[in-house]
């Protein structure tokens, strides 16, 4: 079968899309094979303690108070991988209370002590990158090689902030009077509400939780309801690393209820969110009520500009290698192509 092509700008070739060979095995056979392999992986993860289905509050694995559960599906075939606790306002408020209580002791540890815990967490993530990669593929759907790559990428954030924990320096300010000394001490803000998307279920957590823990904050994580299993596995490893109970909490389920509870609580002093612009606006507006700090990573726009003096073959090869990364939903994927014609 001849490859398909997309043409833009005066007939100039921009991206070549290769069609799938026609001799693929029947879809029903592939679906059945995927189902069997996925179930085998799920069983292995469950037996090794990686397939957690309860929320983590105050260091304890807890069911939803009303007993409700949420189905997590394998995107390859739509089958149910697991039923996880479907949490809401009450569970989120308890998670916040646990994080607030843990903050009092976690923030008082020395930078070296926090760094040691984070380094241990990093070591455990690296040691279990195969299992974590399998879990990401199972619930998110990206190829296993790409999923394991995400685990390594995710671990790098923990490694980096484990070292940065020891380098949170203050400042000396020149005083206007000779008998005065002015200096700035950096203090952790408190409980951080962390809301993450489905496309990078581990990396989006570690890049937010790593710096928060490093400087002495505690966290309440709300992962995507589509991919909660990876977040729960990462939280399990945080406990094994010696991060105190309550410093890391995970609640999943009713997104609007959990988000509203995080926004409304005066004990939550910062919100960090990756997702849509519409939800980001809502979080920013809601945070004003309790004057929370907010960090938002919202919808991206990444055009690819190809100038008239570029080597077109090299440009095509470069776009082909990255355009489909993360199923095309990564923010670095090209949203449009602009070709300069003269």
Foldseek 3Di string as FASTA:
>chain_A
DDWDFDADDPRDTAATGGDDDPPDDDPVVVLVVVVVVLQVLLVVCVVVPLQQAAWAAQNDGDAAPVNAWAFAAFVVRRDTSDTHHAYFQVVLVRLLVLQQVLLVVLLPDALLVLLQLLVQLLVVLLVCLQSLLSLLCRQQNDDSVLSSVLSNLQSVLSNVLSVCLNVPDKAWDDDPDPPDTDIGDDGQQEEEEEEEESLSQRNSVSNVLNNNSSNRYAYEYEYASSRCSSVVSSVVSSVVSVDGGSSYTYHYHDVVRSLLSLLPDLRHQEYEYEEAPVVVVVSVVSNVVNVHHYHYHHQAAAAAEAEPPDDSVVSNVVLVVPQCPSNNRDRNHHPYYHYHDD
